[in-house]
């Protein structure tokens, strides 16, 4: 793991950070044997996620909207103005 961290630091991909919110320590996690075993670096965002406000606004479901539009017939301005 030390080699990976030093390499990422040398490439400028990661750097030391003093701010506890943006400081995401890299942790080593053992891969399952089915995935080849070994260790992999992961970042723990639990502290950041606890401070993040969830988006309370409901999002429009495009599939549901299209289904509703297909089932309802509506006259467009061009259709209504044609003889």
Protein backbone atom coordinates (compact mmCIF):
# COMPACT_ATOMS: atom_id res chain seq x y z
CA UNK A 1 0.00 0.00 0.00
CA UNK A 2 2.82 2.42 0.78
CA UNK A 3 4.10 2.06 -2.77
CA UNK A 4 0.68 2.81 -4.24
CA UNK A 5 0.18 5.87 -2.02
CA UNK A 6 3.65 7.22 -2.83
CA UNK A 7 3.08 6.67 -6.55
CA UNK A 8 -0.31 8.43 -6.51
CA UNK A 9 1.20 11.29 -4.51
CA UNK A 10 4.10 11.65 -6.94
CA UNK A 11 1.63 11.80 -9.85
CA UNK A 12 -0.35 14.53 -8.08
CA UNK A 13 -3.50 12.41 -7.91
CA UNK A 14 -3.62 12.52 -4.11
CA UNK A 15 -2.12 14.94 -1.60
CA UNK A 16 -2.13 15.54 2.14
CA UNK A 17 -5.07 17.57 3.45
CA UNK A 18 -5.52 19.18 6.88
CA UNK A 19 -9.29 19.78 6.62
CA UNK A 20 -11.07 16.85 8.36
CA UNK A 21 -14.05 16.98 5.99
CA UNK A 22 -11.99 16.75 2.82
CA UNK A 23 -9.42 14.49 4.41
CA UNK A 24 -10.41 11.06 3.11
CA UNK A 25 -7.92 8.54 4.41
CA UNK A 26 -7.10 5.74 2.04
CA UNK A 27 -7.73 2.38 3.64
CA UNK A 28 -6.56 -1.00 2.49
CA UNK A 29 -9.30 -3.56 2.03
CA UNK A 30 -8.75 -7.22 1.27
CA UNK A 31 -10.24 -8.30 -2.06
CA UNK A 32 -12.30 -11.48 -2.11
CA UNK A 33 -10.44 -14.57 -3.24
CA UNK A 34 -12.82 -14.80 -6.21
CA UNK A 35 -11.49 -11.40 -7.36
CA UNK A 36 -7.86 -12.45 -7.10
CA UNK A 37 -7.25 -11.65 -3.44
CA UNK A 38 -4.68 -9.02 -2.52
CA UNK A 39 -5.29 -5.56 -1.17
CA UNK A 40 -7.02 -2.60 -2.80
CA UNK A 41 -7.11 1.05 -1.76
CA UNK A 42 -10.50 2.53 -0.92
CA UNK A 43 -11.52 5.96 0.35
CA UNK A 44 -13.83 6.29 3.35
CA UNK A 45 -16.42 9.02 2.74
CA UNK A 46 -18.58 8.22 5.80
CA UNK A 47 -17.78 11.52 7.57
CA UNK A 48 -18.56 13.52 4.43
CA UNK A 49 -21.77 11.57 3.81
CA UNK A 50 -22.97 12.26 7.37
CA UNK A 51 -22.62 16.01 6.75
CA UNK A 52 -24.20 15.98 3.28
CA UNK A 53 -27.80 17.18 3.11
CA UNK A 54 -29.97 14.78 1.15
CA UNK A 55 -31.79 16.17 -1.87
CA UNK A 56 -35.41 16.25 -0.75
CA UNK A 57 -36.81 17.36 -4.12
CA UNK A 58 -38.52 14.63 -6.05
CA UNK A 59 -37.04 13.89 -9.42
CA UNK A 60 -39.16 13.40 -12.50
CA UNK A 61 -39.13 9.82 -13.74
CA UNK A 62 -38.66 10.14 -17.53
CA UNK A 63 -39.97 6.64 -18.25
CA UNK A 64 -43.16 7.29 -16.29
CA UNK A 65 -43.66 10.66 -17.95
CA UNK A 66 -43.25 9.19 -21.44
CA UNK A 67 -45.66 6.36 -20.59
CA UNK A 68 -48.24 8.91 -19.40
CA UNK A 69 -47.79 11.01 -22.53
CA UNK A 70 -48.17 7.98 -24.81
CA UNK A 71 -51.41 6.94 -23.16
CA UNK A 72 -52.98 10.41 -23.37
CA UNK A 73 -53.77 12.02 -26.68
CA UNK A 74 -53.39 15.74 -26.86
CA UNK A 75 -54.03 18.14 -29.70
CA UNK A 76 -51.10 20.28 -30.60
CA UNK A 77 -51.50 23.85 -31.76
CA UNK A 78 -50.76 22.74 -35.36
CA UNK A 79 -53.39 19.99 -35.23
CA UNK A 80 -56.01 22.31 -33.79
CA UNK A 81 -55.40 25.04 -36.38
CA UNK A 82 -55.50 22.77 -39.46
CA UNK A 83 -58.77 22.72 -41.49
